Amino acid sequence: MPELLQKAYRDQLITWIDRPCHLRLLYKISTDGCSAQKFHQLCDGQGPTVTVLYNTNNTIFGGYLSQKWNSDGGHINDTNAFLFRLQYNGSSNPLKFPVSEAASAGYGNSNYGPTFGSGYDIQTFTAAIKKSEKYFPLNGDVRKIGKSYNLNGQKSSTITNDNLQVTDLEVYRVIDGADQQTHLAEPWREHMDWSEQKMEDIKENLLAYKPVSETNATAANILLLGQIGAGKSSFFNSINSIFRGKITSKACSGSFEHSVTTMYRQYKIKDHSSGKFLNFRLCDSRGFEDNFVLDAQDISFILDGNMPDRYQFNPMVPFTSDTPGFIKNSDLGNKIHCVAFVIDGSTVDVIPEKILKQMKSLQIRMNQRGLAQIVLLTKLDKICPYVSDDVTNTFTSSAVCNVVEKVADIMGLPRGHVLPVKNYENEAKQITGVNILLMEALERCLDFADDFMDEQLEKISSEEK
């Protein structure tokens, strides 16, 4: 399953543990469920572990035990235990808090989640917790932190924000020796060149791209569909940044509870150097939401080229053939030529069933029209810490490979149709490897768009005979 802990934080923990080792994920509440029973089932008797909590303040904290978890109902003696803070309010700020009362470093109880200290320093949760909207409201306590651990002048609020509303909680097994499974000896997909020249070559190809001439289409239309927060608007912003020569944010994007895209947009890309628009459009619609179902007829109108640019969605008033701006005599140039599903690779295991059903339902409509579909797999840095450290590790990462295979299976698409990408989110400057992944994915979309247009021309020709 995808792991949230970044490589820099893994390395910091390994430094504190003070021996050659690596971390392997045992338990993740967003995937396995938040229950004491499941925690003990997966983590008891597994040896040394690191517990990591990610709260809604974007603070990351937790604890390390060199002794195994158990369900015996007593304290765990551990002279090597420590608590830690890795990130505070979104900023990296690692601090280690060594154990001061080793006899009560941990507490093993069949009805408790991971628990540290006497009385307790960190009690994560008891029994079972259901997710509430965007977070798990853990019912434990962190306000007594410091009873069994030396906080070195810190306090609960500066370590945990006094906040146990968490987006996730992970428990990692600590395994002696270097990790042998992260990097594959051979790439799982052929990719040899990450050079500046490669980047410039792909960019020139995209600048020179023109749709199939016989169609009279001025641009290829690629529709982006995905769950809110998956990165479809960010994909446009990232492509736009490449041709603007700087990081931009033209389309509103972010990880919000509801879709930040409220209108249908056909975004054009302008090359900053030449001042010319490229011959493709990235079309953006509302994001999939667990509690909101996209109108399948709206999507059909988009696929068939009937919906105008900048149409404002209104759930109370559906888009129909009588709606002002409806394009009645849509030709091939107005239609969608390729559909790209944008999927967050770090949340593949927890995509709500309702959203999967929406995507499957829309795929039927696309298949009926002969539209090719691809997946843009985002958030690579959250799938694999080594890819987070260096995006050129994408095709030798077993973690990314596993997620690609899982997504291909979920979507019923060939593995070659699942394209890993890294959107620009926190970066201030462009990165060659990121640009190459983004533009290679875009090239693949345009190849599929050309195939669709060729097929439509053949269909028109056969109908005329």
Protein backbone atom coordinates (compact mmCIF):
# COMPACT_ATOMS: atom_id res chain seq x y z
CA MET A 1 0.00 0.00 0.00
CA PRO A 2 1.19 3.59 -0.63
CA GLU A 3 3.35 5.12 2.10
CA LEU A 4 3.12 8.75 3.25
CA LEU A 5 6.47 9.07 5.02
CA GLN A 6 8.90 11.06 2.88
CA LYS A 7 12.46 9.88 2.32
CA ALA A 8 13.98 12.83 4.22
CA TYR A 9 11.92 11.92 7.29
CA ARG A 10 12.75 8.22 6.95
CA ASP A 11 16.42 9.10 6.84
CA GLN A 12 16.03 11.28 9.95
CA LEU A 13 14.33 8.45 11.86
CA ILE A 14 17.03 5.98 10.81
CA THR A 15 19.66 8.44 12.03
CA TRP A 16 17.92 8.60 15.41
CA ILE A 17 17.52 4.80 15.58
CA ASP A 18 21.30 4.76 15.09
CA ARG A 19 21.86 1.55 13.13
CA PRO A 20 21.62 0.48 9.46
CA CYS A 21 17.93 -0.30 8.84
CA HIS A 22 14.93 0.47 6.69
CA LEU A 23 11.20 0.87 7.25
CA ARG A 24 8.42 -1.34 5.92
CA LEU A 25 4.76 -0.32 6.32
CA LEU A 26 2.72 -2.66 8.53
CA TYR A 27 -0.46 -0.75 9.29
CA LYS A 28 -2.23 2.31 7.85
CA ILE A 29 -5.61 3.41 9.22
CA SER A 30 -6.85 4.89 5.92
CA THR A 31 -6.38 1.49 4.30
CA ASP A 32 -6.72 -1.09 7.08
CA GLY A 33 -9.29 0.71 9.21
CA CYS A 34 -8.79 2.48 12.52
CA SER A 35 -9.30 -0.19 15.16
CA ALA A 36 -7.23 -1.53 18.06
CA GLN A 37 -8.01 -5.07 16.95
CA LYS A 38 -6.58 -4.47 13.47
CA PHE A 39 -3.54 -2.65 14.84
CA HIS A 40 -2.62 -5.56 17.12
CA GLN A 41 -3.40 -8.14 14.43
CA LEU A 42 -0.92 -6.52 12.06
CA CYS A 43 1.70 -5.14 14.45
CA ASP A 44 2.01 -7.38 17.53
CA GLY A 45 5.22 -9.40 17.63
CA GLN A 46 6.75 -7.59 14.66
CA GLY A 47 9.80 -6.28 16.51
CA PRO A 48 10.89 -2.61 16.49
CA THR A 49 8.35 -0.16 15.05
CA VAL A 50 7.84 3.50 14.25
CA THR A 51 4.35 4.98 14.70
CA VAL A 52 3.65 8.15 12.67
CA LEU A 53 0.63 10.45 13.02
CA TYR A 54 -0.36 13.09 10.44
CA ASN A 55 -2.77 15.63 11.93
CA THR A 56 -4.96 18.26 10.28
CA ASN A 57 -2.49 21.03 11.22
CA ASN A 58 -0.04 19.38 8.80
CA THR A 59 2.07 18.33 11.77
CA ILE A 60 3.80 14.93 11.80
CA PHE A 61 4.75 13.30 15.10
CA GLY A 62 4.94 9.86 16.72
CA GLY A 63 7.09 7.38 18.59
CA TYR A 64 9.66 4.59 18.23
CA LEU A 65 9.85 1.35 20.21
CA SER A 66 12.77 -1.04 19.85
CA GLN A 67 10.63 -3.71 21.58
CA LYS A 68 7.65 -5.45 19.98
CA TRP A 69 4.04 -4.45 20.53
CA ASN A 70 1.82 -6.88 22.47
CA SER A 71 -1.72 -7.15 23.87
CA ASP A 72 -0.74 -8.26 27.38
CA GLY A 73 -2.23 -5.34 29.28
CA GLY A 74 1.06 -4.08 30.71
CA HIS A 75 3.84 -1.56 30.12
CA ILE A 76 6.69 -2.23 27.68
CA ASN A 77 10.21 -1.66 29.02
CA ASP A 78 12.47 -0.03 26.41
CA THR A 79 15.62 1.99 27.09
CA ASN A 80 15.94 2.89 23.38
CA ALA A 81 12.44 4.31 22.88
CA PHE A 82 11.84 7.91 21.83
CA LEU A 83 9.06 10.22 20.70
CA PHE A 84 9.57 12.64 17.83
CA ARG A 85 8.25 15.54 15.84
CA LEU A 86 9.17 15.62 12.14
CA GLN A 87 7.04 18.48 10.85
CA TYR A 88 5.14 21.31 12.54
CA ASN A 89 2.35 23.25 10.82
CA GLY A 90 3.67 22.22 7.43
CA SER A 91 7.33 23.11 8.07
CA SER A 92 10.07 20.53 8.47
CA ASN A 93 11.37 20.77 12.05
CA PRO A 94 12.60 17.37 13.34
CA LEU A 95 13.05 16.91 17.10
CA LYS A 96 13.73 13.76 19.12
CA PHE A 97 12.48 13.22 22.68
CA PRO A 98 14.29 10.35 24.47
CA VAL A 99 12.60 8.12 27.02
CA SER A 100 13.10 9.14 30.67
CA GLU A 101 11.14 6.28 32.31
CA ALA A 102 12.15 3.23 30.30
CA ALA A 103 9.97 0.85 32.32
CA SER A 104 6.84 2.49 30.91
CA ALA A 105 8.07 3.40 27.41
CA GLY A 106 5.07 1.71 25.77
CA TYR A 107 1.76 0.15 26.75
CA GLY A 108 0.27 -2.98 25.18
CA ASN A 109 -3.49 -3.37 25.53
CA SER A 110 -5.81 -5.23 23.17
CA ASN A 111 -8.32 -2.34 23.24
CA TYR A 112 -5.71 0.40 22.63
CA GLY A 113 -4.00 1.61 19.50
CA PRO A 114 -0.28 2.54 19.71
CA THR A 115 0.31 3.95 23.20
CA PHE A 116 3.49 5.46 24.65
CA GLY A 117 4.40 6.28 28.26
CA SER A 118 2.75 6.04 31.64
CA GLY A 119 -0.60 7.61 31.98
CA TYR A 120 -0.08 8.28 28.86
CA ASP A 121 2.35 10.47 26.88
CA ILE A 122 0.68 9.53 23.58
CA GLN A 123 -2.48 7.47 23.56
CA THR A 124 -3.62 7.35 19.95
CA PHE A 125 -7.06 5.74 20.22
CA THR A 126 -9.16 3.04 21.85
CA ALA A 127 -11.59 0.53 20.28
CA ALA A 128 -12.51 1.61 16.73
CA ILE A 129 -12.78 5.02 15.06
CA LYS A 130 -14.82 5.92 12.00
CA LYS A 131 -13.53 8.52 9.56
CA SER A 132 -15.37 11.85 9.63
CA GLU A 133 -15.23 13.61 6.26
CA LYS A 134 -11.51 14.34 5.76
CA TYR A 135 -10.00 13.03 9.01
CA PHE A 136 -10.12 10.42 11.76
CA PRO A 137 -11.20 11.98 15.12
CA LEU A 138 -8.96 9.87 17.37
CA ASN A 139 -10.29 9.50 20.91
CA GLY A 140 -6.90 9.25 22.66
CA ASP A 141 -4.91 11.95 24.45
CA VAL A 142 -1.60 13.79 23.97
CA ARG A 143 -1.95 16.44 26.68
CA LYS A 144 0.07 14.42 29.23
CA ILE A 145 3.09 14.08 26.94
CA GLY A 146 6.29 14.45 28.95
CA LYS A 147 5.50 12.04 31.81
CA SER A 148 7.84 9.31 30.54
CA TYR A 149 9.81 11.20 27.90
CA ASN A 150 12.16 14.19 28.05
CA LEU A 151 10.64 17.00 25.94
CA ASN A 152 13.70 19.29 26.10
CA GLY A 153 11.58 22.40 26.70
CA GLN A 154 8.83 21.52 24.25
CA LYS A 155 5.21 20.83 25.22
CA SER A 156 2.16 19.10 23.84
CA SER A 157 0.99 22.10 21.79
CA THR A 158 4.40 22.55 20.11
CA ILE A 159 4.76 18.86 19.30
CA THR A 160 1.20 17.80 18.43
CA ASN A 161 -0.88 21.06 18.33
CA ASP A 162 -2.94 19.24 21.02
CA ASN A 163 -4.67 17.82 17.96
CA LEU A 164 -5.58 14.16 17.39
CA GLN A 165 -7.72 14.80 14.33
CA VAL A 166 -5.50 12.91 11.90
CA THR A 167 -5.61 12.39 8.14
CA ASP A 168 -3.69 9.16 8.65
CA LEU A 169 -1.67 7.05 11.08
CA GLU A 170 1.01 4.60 9.97
CA VAL A 171 3.04 1.95 11.79
CA TYR A 172 6.31 0.89 10.16
CA ARG A 173 8.37 -2.15 11.02
CA VAL A 174 12.08 -1.39 11.48
CA ILE A 175 14.13 -3.98 9.58
CA ASP A 176 17.89 -4.32 9.97
CA GLY A 177 20.02 -3.63 6.89
CA ALA A 178 19.49 -1.53 3.75
CA ASP A 179 16.24 -1.82 1.80
CA GLN A 180 16.67 -4.23 -1.11
CA GLN A 181 13.13 -3.97 -2.50
CA THR A 182 12.64 -0.31 -3.30
CA HIS A 183 14.85 -0.09 -6.38
CA LEU A 184 14.42 -2.61 -9.17
CA ALA A 185 17.49 -3.85 -11.01
CA GLU A 186 15.73 -3.23 -14.34
CA PRO A 187 13.14 -0.50 -15.04
CA TRP A 188 9.56 -1.76 -15.12
CA ARG A 189 8.99 0.52 -18.13
CA GLU A 190 11.72 1.40 -20.59
CA HIS A 191 12.99 4.93 -20.00
CA MET A 192 16.61 5.75 -20.71
CA ASP A 193 16.90 9.51 -21.09
CA TRP A 194 16.34 12.19 -18.44
CA SER A 195 18.57 14.80 -20.07
CA GLU A 196 17.96 18.48 -20.80
CA GLN A 197 18.19 17.61 -24.50
CA LYS A 198 15.44 15.01 -24.13
CA MET A 199 13.25 17.61 -22.46
CA GLU A 200 13.85 20.13 -25.25
CA ASP A 201 13.15 17.50 -27.94
CA ILE A 202 9.76 16.62 -26.44
CA LYS A 203 8.95 20.30 -26.05
CA GLU A 204 9.72 20.95 -29.72
CA ASN A 205 7.50 18.01 -30.72
CA LEU A 206 4.62 19.46 -28.73
CA LEU A 207 5.18 22.92 -30.20
CA ALA A 208 5.06 21.41 -33.70
CA TYR A 209 2.00 19.24 -33.03
CA LYS A 210 -1.02 19.63 -35.32
CA PRO A 211 -4.20 17.53 -35.33
CA VAL A 212 -4.96 15.19 -38.25
CA SER A 213 -5.24 17.63 -41.17
CA GLU A 214 -8.32 16.07 -42.80
CA THR A 215 -10.43 16.79 -39.72
CA ASN A 216 -10.07 20.57 -40.04
CA ALA A 217 -9.79 20.58 -36.24
CA THR A 218 -7.68 23.45 -34.95
CA ALA A 219 -6.78 21.65 -31.71
CA ALA A 220 -6.90 18.25 -30.03
CA ASN A 221 -9.26 18.25 -27.02
CA ILE A 222 -8.19 16.26 -23.94
CA LEU A 223 -10.74 15.96 -21.13
CA LEU A 224 -9.38 15.73 -17.57
CA LEU A 225 -11.57 13.88 -15.07
CA GLY A 226 -10.73 12.93 -11.50
CA GLN A 227 -11.51 12.97 -7.81
CA ILE A 228 -11.24 16.34 -6.06
CA GLY A 229 -7.67 16.95 -4.94
CA ALA A 230 -6.20 14.38 -7.36
CA GLY A 231 -4.48 17.10 -9.39
CA LYS A 232 -6.32 17.61 -12.69
CA SER A 233 -6.26 21.42 -12.50
CA SER A 234 -2.68 21.14 -11.22
CA PHE A 235 -1.80 19.09 -14.32
CA PHE A 236 -2.90 21.97 -16.53
CA ASN A 237 -0.99 24.44 -14.36
CA SER A 238 2.13 22.26 -14.60
CA ILE A 239 1.95 21.96 -18.41
CA ASN A 240 1.26 25.68 -18.64
CA SER A 241 4.31 26.35 -16.45
CA ILE A 242 6.59 24.46 -18.83
CA PHE A 243 5.65 26.67 -21.78
CA ARG A 244 5.53 29.85 -19.73
CA GLY A 245 9.05 29.24 -18.46
CA LYS A 246 8.04 29.70 -14.82
CA ILE A 247 5.75 28.12 -12.23
CA THR A 248 2.19 29.37 -12.77
CA SER A 249 -1.24 28.72 -11.27
CA LYS A 250 -3.82 29.85 -13.83
CA ALA A 251 -6.41 27.18 -12.95
CA CYS A 252 -7.67 27.15 -9.36
CA SER A 253 -6.37 24.03 -7.64
CA GLY A 254 -6.01 22.55 -4.18
CA SER A 255 -7.08 19.79 -1.77
CA PHE A 256 -10.51 21.07 -0.79
CA GLU A 257 -13.57 19.25 0.52
CA HIS A 258 -15.58 20.26 -2.56
CA SER A 259 -14.51 20.74 -6.16
CA VAL A 260 -12.72 24.02 -6.86
CA THR A 261 -13.67 23.66 -10.54
CA THR A 262 -17.18 25.07 -10.90
CA MET A 263 -17.26 25.65 -14.64
CA TYR A 264 -16.30 23.75 -17.77
CA ARG A 265 -13.06 25.13 -19.16
CA GLN A 266 -11.15 24.53 -22.36
CA TYR A 267 -7.69 25.72 -21.43
CA LYS A 268 -5.28 26.75 -24.15
CA ILE A 269 -1.52 26.67 -23.70
CA LYS A 270 0.51 29.64 -24.92
CA ASP A 271 4.22 29.35 -25.63
CA HIS A 272 5.95 32.26 -23.93
CA SER A 273 8.84 32.38 -26.42
CA SER A 274 6.83 32.53 -29.65
CA GLY A 275 3.62 34.00 -28.30
CA LYS A 276 1.64 31.32 -30.15
CA PHE A 277 -1.00 28.97 -28.79
CA LEU A 278 -0.27 25.24 -29.02
CA ASN A 279 -2.66 23.05 -31.00
CA PHE A 280 -4.32 21.25 -28.09
CA ARG A 281 -6.72 22.12 -25.29
CA LEU A 282 -6.89 20.67 -21.77
CA CYS A 283 -10.56 20.54 -20.82
CA ASP A 284 -11.42 20.67 -17.12
CA SER A 285 -14.72 19.76 -15.49
CA ARG A 286 -15.98 19.28 -11.93
CA GLY A 287 -14.13 16.77 -9.76
CA PHE A 288 -15.63 13.51 -8.52
CA GLU A 289 -16.97 13.76 -4.97
CA ASP A 290 -18.19 11.08 -2.59
CA ASN A 291 -21.39 12.99 -1.80
CA PHE A 292 -22.00 14.49 -5.24
CA VAL A 293 -22.65 12.58 -8.45
CA LEU A 294 -21.49 14.14 -11.71
CA ASP A 295 -24.36 14.36 -14.18
CA ALA A 296 -23.59 11.67 -16.76
CA GLN A 297 -25.58 13.60 -19.37
CA ASP A 298 -23.39 16.68 -18.76
CA ILE A 299 -20.32 14.56 -19.45
CA SER A 300 -21.96 13.15 -22.60
CA PHE A 301 -22.57 16.70 -23.85
CA ILE A 302 -18.91 17.51 -23.15
CA LEU A 303 -17.71 14.38 -24.99
CA ASP A 304 -19.91 15.22 -27.98
CA GLY A 305 -18.74 18.83 -28.13
CA ASN A 306 -22.07 20.43 -27.18
CA MET A 307 -20.98 22.28 -24.02
CA PRO A 308 -19.37 25.71 -24.53
CA ASP A 309 -16.21 26.91 -22.82
CA ARG A 310 -16.84 28.64 -19.48
CA TYR A 311 -20.23 27.04 -18.92
CA GLN A 312 -21.07 27.50 -15.22
CA PHE A 313 -22.32 24.26 -13.65
CA ASN A 314 -25.59 24.54 -11.72
CA PRO A 315 -26.80 21.38 -9.97
CA MET A 316 -30.30 22.89 -9.74
CA VAL A 317 -30.53 23.58 -13.48
CA PRO A 318 -29.20 20.77 -15.72
CA PHE A 319 -27.49 21.52 -19.02
CA THR A 320 -29.84 20.68 -21.93
CA SER A 321 -30.14 21.29 -25.66
CA ASP A 322 -32.19 24.41 -24.79
CA THR A 323 -29.50 25.89 -22.54
CA PRO A 324 -28.08 29.16 -23.95
CA GLY A 325 -24.73 28.47 -25.63
CA PHE A 326 -25.53 24.82 -26.44
CA ILE A 327 -23.49 23.88 -29.54
CA LYS A 328 -26.09 22.19 -31.74
CA ASN A 329 -24.09 21.42 -34.86
CA SER A 330 -20.99 20.05 -33.16
CA ASP A 331 -18.31 18.80 -35.53
CA LEU A 332 -15.22 16.65 -34.91
CA GLY A 333 -13.22 19.72 -33.89
CA ASN A 334 -15.60 20.36 -30.97
CA LYS A 335 -15.61 16.80 -29.64
CA ILE A 336 -13.34 15.36 -26.97
CA HIS A 337 -10.56 13.30 -28.60
CA CYS A 338 -9.01 11.65 -25.52
CA VAL A 339 -10.01 11.28 -21.87
CA ALA A 340 -7.44 11.40 -19.07
CA PHE A 341 -8.54 10.16 -15.64
CA VAL A 342 -6.40 11.87 -13.00
CA ILE A 343 -5.87 9.58 -9.99
CA ASP A 344 -3.94 10.26 -6.79
CA GLY A 345 -1.55 7.31 -6.54
CA SER A 346 -1.26 7.63 -2.75
CA THR A 347 -4.99 7.05 -2.18
CA VAL A 348 -5.69 4.25 -4.65
CA ASP A 349 -6.55 1.82 -1.85
CA VAL A 350 -9.18 4.12 -0.38
CA ILE A 351 -11.02 5.53 -3.41
CA PRO A 352 -14.69 5.55 -2.35
CA GLU A 353 -16.86 2.93 -4.02
CA LYS A 354 -19.29 5.64 -5.17
CA ILE A 355 -16.54 7.39 -7.10
CA LEU A 356 -15.34 4.14 -8.68
CA LYS A 357 -18.91 3.50 -9.85
CA GLN A 358 -19.10 7.00 -11.36
CA MET A 359 -15.88 6.44 -13.29
CA LYS A 360 -16.99 3.01 -14.51
CA SER A 361 -20.34 4.42 -15.64
CA LEU A 362 -18.63 7.18 -17.63
CA GLN A 363 -16.19 4.69 -19.15
CA ILE A 364 -19.15 2.91 -20.73
CA ARG A 365 -20.17 6.14 -22.49
CA MET A 366 -16.58 6.70 -23.63
CA ASN A 367 -16.26 3.16 -24.96
CA GLN A 368 -19.49 3.59 -26.89
CA ARG A 369 -17.88 6.56 -28.65
CA GLY A 370 -14.58 4.77 -29.25
CA LEU A 371 -12.72 7.24 -27.03
CA ALA A 372 -9.32 6.15 -25.73
CA GLN A 373 -8.72 6.60 -22.00
CA ILE A 374 -5.51 7.01 -20.09
CA VAL A 375 -4.72 7.55 -16.40
CA LEU A 376 -2.47 10.33 -15.16
CA LEU A 377 -1.11 8.88 -11.91
CA THR A 378 -0.23 11.81 -9.63
CA LYS A 379 1.38 12.31 -6.19
CA LEU A 380 4.39 10.09 -7.01
CA ASP A 381 6.30 11.68 -4.13
CA LYS A 382 3.75 10.22 -1.70
CA ILE A 383 3.90 6.75 -3.28
CA CYS A 384 7.65 6.29 -2.91
CA PRO A 385 10.15 8.31 -0.85
CA TYR A 386 12.92 7.63 -3.36
CA VAL A 387 10.83 9.15 -6.15
CA SER A 388 10.11 12.09 -3.86
CA ASP A 389 13.86 12.52 -3.52
CA ASP A 390 14.52 12.10 -7.28
CA VAL A 391 11.78 11.75 -9.89
CA THR A 392 14.16 9.89 -12.22
CA ASN A 393 13.67 6.88 -9.91
CA THR A 394 10.06 6.56 -11.12
CA PHE A 395 10.59 3.60 -13.43
CA THR A 396 12.85 1.67 -11.06
CA SER A 397 10.51 2.08 -8.08
CA SER A 398 8.71 -1.12 -7.14
CA ALA A 399 6.17 0.96 -5.18
CA VAL A 400 5.20 3.02 -8.25
CA CYS A 401 5.13 -0.16 -10.38
CA ASN A 402 2.73 -1.80 -7.91
CA VAL A 403 0.37 1.18 -7.92
CA VAL A 404 0.42 1.34 -11.75
CA GLU A 405 -0.61 -2.32 -11.91
CA LYS A 406 -3.33 -1.81 -9.32
CA VAL A 407 -4.79 1.21 -11.14
CA ALA A 408 -4.70 -0.58 -14.49
CA ASP A 409 -6.68 -3.40 -12.92
CA ILE A 410 -9.21 -1.07 -11.26
CA MET A 411 -9.81 0.91 -14.47
CA GLY A 412 -9.75 -2.08 -16.81
CA LEU A 413 -7.01 -0.47 -18.92
CA PRO A 414 -3.67 -1.75 -20.26
CA ARG A 415 -0.77 -0.99 -17.96
CA GLY A 416 0.76 1.17 -20.71
CA HIS A 417 -2.24 3.50 -20.43
CA VAL A 418 -1.32 4.42 -16.82
CA LEU A 419 1.18 7.27 -16.94
CA PRO A 420 3.02 8.42 -13.79
CA VAL A 421 3.36 12.20 -13.52
CA LYS A 422 4.49 14.70 -10.91
CA ASN A 423 2.62 18.00 -10.85
CA TYR A 424 4.25 21.19 -9.64
CA GLU A 425 2.85 21.92 -6.17
CA ASN A 426 5.47 23.29 -3.76
CA GLU A 427 8.33 23.87 -6.17
CA ALA A 428 9.62 27.36 -6.93
CA LYS A 429 11.63 26.30 -10.00
CA GLN A 430 11.12 23.79 -12.78
CA ILE A 431 12.82 20.38 -12.70
CA THR A 432 13.95 18.59 -15.85
CA GLY A 433 12.73 15.14 -14.82
CA VAL A 434 9.31 16.47 -13.79
CA ASN A 435 8.95 18.27 -17.13
CA ILE A 436 9.86 15.10 -19.03
CA LEU A 437 7.23 12.99 -17.23
CA LEU A 438 4.55 15.64 -17.78
CA MET A 439 5.30 16.17 -21.46
CA GLU A 440 5.65 12.45 -22.23
CA ALA A 441 2.19 11.92 -20.74
CA LEU A 442 0.83 14.76 -22.85
CA GLU A 443 2.45 13.29 -25.99
CA ARG A 444 0.72 9.97 -25.24
CA CYS A 445 -2.64 11.74 -24.93
CA LEU A 446 -2.11 13.44 -28.30
CA ASP A 447 -1.21 10.09 -29.91
CA PHE A 448 -4.52 8.69 -28.69
CA ALA A 449 -6.34 11.82 -29.84
CA ASP A 450 -4.92 11.39 -33.35
CA ASP A 451 -5.98 7.74 -33.34
CA PHE A 452 -9.53 8.74 -32.42
CA MET A 453 -9.70 11.39 -35.15
CA ASP A 454 -8.37 8.91 -37.75
CA GLU A 455 -11.03 6.41 -36.70
CA GLN A 456 -13.78 9.03 -36.94
CA LEU A 457 -12.63 10.02 -40.43
CA GLU A 458 -12.75 6.38 -41.52
CA LYS A 459 -16.24 6.06 -40.02
CA ILE A 460 -17.46 9.18 -41.88
CA SER A 461 -15.91 7.94 -45.11
CA SER A 462 -17.58 4.51 -44.84
CA GLU A 463 -20.95 6.09 -44.08
CA GLU A 464 -20.72 8.27 -47.19
CA LYS A 465 -20.16 5.27 -49.49
